[in-house]
């Protein structure tokens, strides 16, 4: 199972600004989203790829509450939620679902 400390270590920013309730909620949503996108009822928590995907899902849930667009003054790191979602799809080898589906008439 991923923990609040896993998420804090991964984003390395603003982790102390969140309550345990915030982390627990993000973790719960991360597991739900993982199951939803993979169509799986179970989660192989021993797989490092799955663990990273869960962490990224949790970060995406917390993104609205933390500035993930700017970290540090000398070393700027940019993370956009859309890019995080694309990374989750890549590491889980999922095909992204199109936002709009065109059907011939």
Protein backbone atom coordinates (compact mmCIF):
# COMPACT_ATOMS: atom_id res chain seq x y z
CA UNK A 1 0.00 0.00 0.00
CA UNK A 2 1.26 3.48 -0.72
CA UNK A 3 1.52 5.83 2.23
CA UNK A 4 1.53 9.55 2.86
CA UNK A 5 5.33 9.34 3.18
CA UNK A 6 5.58 7.82 -0.32
CA UNK A 7 3.66 10.76 -1.73
CA UNK A 8 5.67 13.32 0.28
CA UNK A 9 8.94 11.79 -0.94
CA UNK A 10 7.79 11.78 -4.55
CA UNK A 11 6.61 15.35 -4.84
CA UNK A 12 9.16 16.67 -2.35
CA UNK A 13 7.18 19.82 -1.85
CA UNK A 14 4.42 21.09 0.41
CA UNK A 15 3.90 17.64 1.94
CA UNK A 16 3.75 19.04 5.44
CA UNK A 17 0.91 21.36 4.41
CA UNK A 18 -1.50 18.42 4.05
CA UNK A 19 -3.35 16.70 6.85
CA UNK A 20 -3.45 12.93 7.18
CA UNK A 21 -7.09 13.13 6.09
CA UNK A 22 -6.03 14.81 2.82
CA UNK A 23 -3.51 12.05 2.15
CA UNK A 24 -5.93 9.28 3.06
CA UNK A 25 -8.55 10.73 0.72
CA UNK A 26 -6.03 11.04 -2.13
CA UNK A 27 -4.84 7.46 -1.55
CA UNK A 28 -8.39 6.10 -1.54
CA UNK A 29 -9.17 7.94 -4.78
CA UNK A 30 -5.89 6.73 -6.31
CA UNK A 31 -6.89 3.10 -5.74
CA UNK A 32 -10.36 3.71 -7.16
CA UNK A 33 -8.95 5.43 -10.24
CA UNK A 34 -6.40 2.64 -10.77
CA UNK A 35 -9.13 0.00 -10.65
CA UNK A 36 -11.30 2.10 -12.96
CA UNK A 37 -8.67 2.64 -15.68
CA UNK A 38 -7.31 -0.91 -15.56
CA UNK A 39 -10.68 -2.64 -15.13
CA UNK A 40 -9.11 -4.69 -12.34
CA UNK A 41 -10.72 -5.57 -9.02
CA UNK A 42 -7.35 -6.09 -7.33
CA UNK A 43 -4.16 -4.03 -7.06
CA UNK A 44 -0.72 -5.70 -7.21
CA UNK A 45 0.97 -3.47 -4.65
CA UNK A 46 4.25 -5.39 -4.91
CA UNK A 47 4.75 -4.19 -8.51
CA UNK A 48 6.85 -0.99 -8.52
CA UNK A 49 5.12 0.23 -11.68
CA UNK A 50 1.71 -0.09 -10.04
CA UNK A 51 3.01 1.67 -6.93
CA UNK A 52 4.32 4.57 -9.03
CA UNK A 53 0.97 4.81 -10.85
CA UNK A 54 -0.84 4.91 -7.50
CA UNK A 55 1.46 7.67 -6.27
CA UNK A 56 0.87 9.66 -9.47
CA UNK A 57 -2.88 9.22 -9.16
CA UNK A 58 -2.70 10.48 -5.55
CA UNK A 59 -0.57 13.45 -6.63
CA UNK A 60 -3.13 14.28 -9.29
CA UNK A 61 -5.80 14.33 -6.58
CA UNK A 62 -3.69 16.72 -4.47
CA UNK A 63 -2.62 18.89 -7.42
CA UNK A 64 -5.40 21.40 -6.92
CA UNK A 65 -4.18 22.13 -3.42
CA UNK A 66 -0.45 22.39 -4.08
CA UNK A 67 1.54 24.39 -6.58
CA UNK A 68 3.00 21.67 -8.77
CA UNK A 69 3.91 24.16 -11.46
CA UNK A 70 6.84 25.77 -9.66
CA UNK A 71 9.41 24.17 -7.39
CA UNK A 72 12.50 25.99 -6.25
CA UNK A 73 14.20 29.08 -7.59
CA UNK A 74 17.31 27.75 -9.28
CA UNK A 75 15.93 24.38 -10.35
CA UNK A 76 12.48 24.85 -11.82
CA UNK A 77 10.50 21.69 -12.38
CA UNK A 78 7.22 21.82 -14.26
CA UNK A 79 4.54 19.20 -13.73
CA UNK A 80 1.20 19.56 -15.44
CA UNK A 81 -1.72 17.35 -14.44
CA UNK A 82 -2.24 16.32 -18.08
CA UNK A 83 1.39 15.17 -18.23
CA UNK A 84 0.97 13.21 -14.99
CA UNK A 85 -2.09 11.46 -16.43
CA UNK A 86 -0.13 10.66 -19.62
CA UNK A 87 2.70 9.21 -17.50
CA UNK A 88 0.23 6.99 -15.64
CA UNK A 89 -1.14 5.72 -18.95
CA UNK A 90 2.40 5.13 -20.25
CA UNK A 91 3.69 3.16 -17.26
CA UNK A 92 0.51 1.06 -17.09
CA UNK A 93 0.62 0.58 -20.89
CA UNK A 94 -2.93 1.88 -21.28
CA UNK A 95 -4.34 3.34 -24.44
CA UNK A 96 -5.74 6.80 -23.71
CA UNK A 97 -9.43 7.22 -24.30
CA UNK A 98 -10.24 10.04 -26.70
CA UNK A 99 -11.94 13.05 -25.19
CA UNK A 100 -14.22 13.34 -28.19
CA UNK A 101 -15.34 10.50 -30.37
CA UNK A 102 -16.30 11.24 -33.94
CA UNK A 103 -18.75 8.87 -35.57
CA UNK A 104 -19.33 8.96 -39.33
CA UNK A 105 -22.90 9.79 -40.30
